[in-house]
Amino acid sequence: MTTETERTHLDIHDRSSRESYARLFGVSEEQLRKAVRLVGSRVSTLRGHLRR
């Protein structure tokens, strides 16, 4: 069962989560890590940032 935090934030340290979100956003895992460093781990913020 997923928690509220798991649905709103990416756990960048969890490989499965990282791979899933990288695939969802159409970016590499490294690009995803850089985005998290820039804007944080909130999924909605990452989505907006990576669409640019």
Protein backbone atom coordinates (compact mmCIF):
# COMPACT_ATOMS: atom_id res chain seq x y z
CA MET A 1 0.00 0.00 0.00
CA THR A 2 1.37 3.43 -0.92
CA THR A 3 1.43 6.26 1.58
CA GLU A 4 0.50 9.86 0.93
CA THR A 5 4.20 10.81 0.82
CA GLU A 6 4.96 8.19 -1.81
CA ARG A 7 2.25 9.59 -4.06
CA THR A 8 3.34 13.22 -3.73
CA HIS A 9 7.11 12.87 -3.47
CA LEU A 10 9.75 10.85 -5.26
CA ASP A 11 12.11 8.82 -3.07
CA ILE A 12 15.27 9.42 -5.10
CA HIS A 13 17.09 6.76 -3.05
CA ASP A 14 14.64 4.02 -4.06
CA ARG A 15 15.81 2.47 -7.32
CA SER A 16 12.40 1.21 -8.38
CA SER A 17 10.79 4.60 -7.76
CA ARG A 18 13.59 6.39 -9.58
CA GLU A 19 13.32 4.11 -12.61
CA SER A 20 9.53 4.43 -12.74
CA TYR A 21 9.51 8.22 -12.57
CA ALA A 22 12.37 8.54 -15.06
CA ARG A 23 10.36 6.43 -17.50
CA LEU A 24 7.14 8.35 -16.73
CA PHE A 25 8.83 11.71 -17.40
CA GLY A 26 10.81 10.44 -20.39
CA VAL A 27 14.21 11.32 -18.93
CA SER A 28 17.30 9.45 -17.77
CA GLU A 29 17.83 8.70 -14.10
CA GLU A 30 20.68 11.21 -14.06
CA GLN A 31 18.41 13.93 -15.47
CA LEU A 32 15.87 13.06 -12.80
CA ARG A 33 18.50 13.32 -10.06
CA LYS A 34 19.58 16.73 -11.34
CA ALA A 35 15.98 17.91 -11.40
CA VAL A 36 15.50 16.76 -7.79
CA ARG A 37 18.60 18.71 -6.76
CA LEU A 38 17.22 21.81 -8.50
CA VAL A 39 13.54 21.79 -7.57
CA GLY A 40 13.06 19.13 -4.88
CA SER A 41 11.28 15.80 -4.81
CA ARG A 42 7.61 16.84 -5.10
CA VAL A 43 6.25 14.97 -8.13
CA SER A 44 4.08 17.86 -9.39
CA THR A 45 7.03 20.27 -9.26
CA LEU A 46 9.30 17.79 -11.03
CA ARG A 47 6.66 17.26 -13.74
CA GLY A 48 6.47 21.01 -14.39
CA HIS A 49 10.24 21.42 -14.39
CA LEU A 50 10.89 18.50 -16.73
CA ARG A 51 8.25 19.60 -19.26
CA ARG A 52 10.27 22.74 -20.05
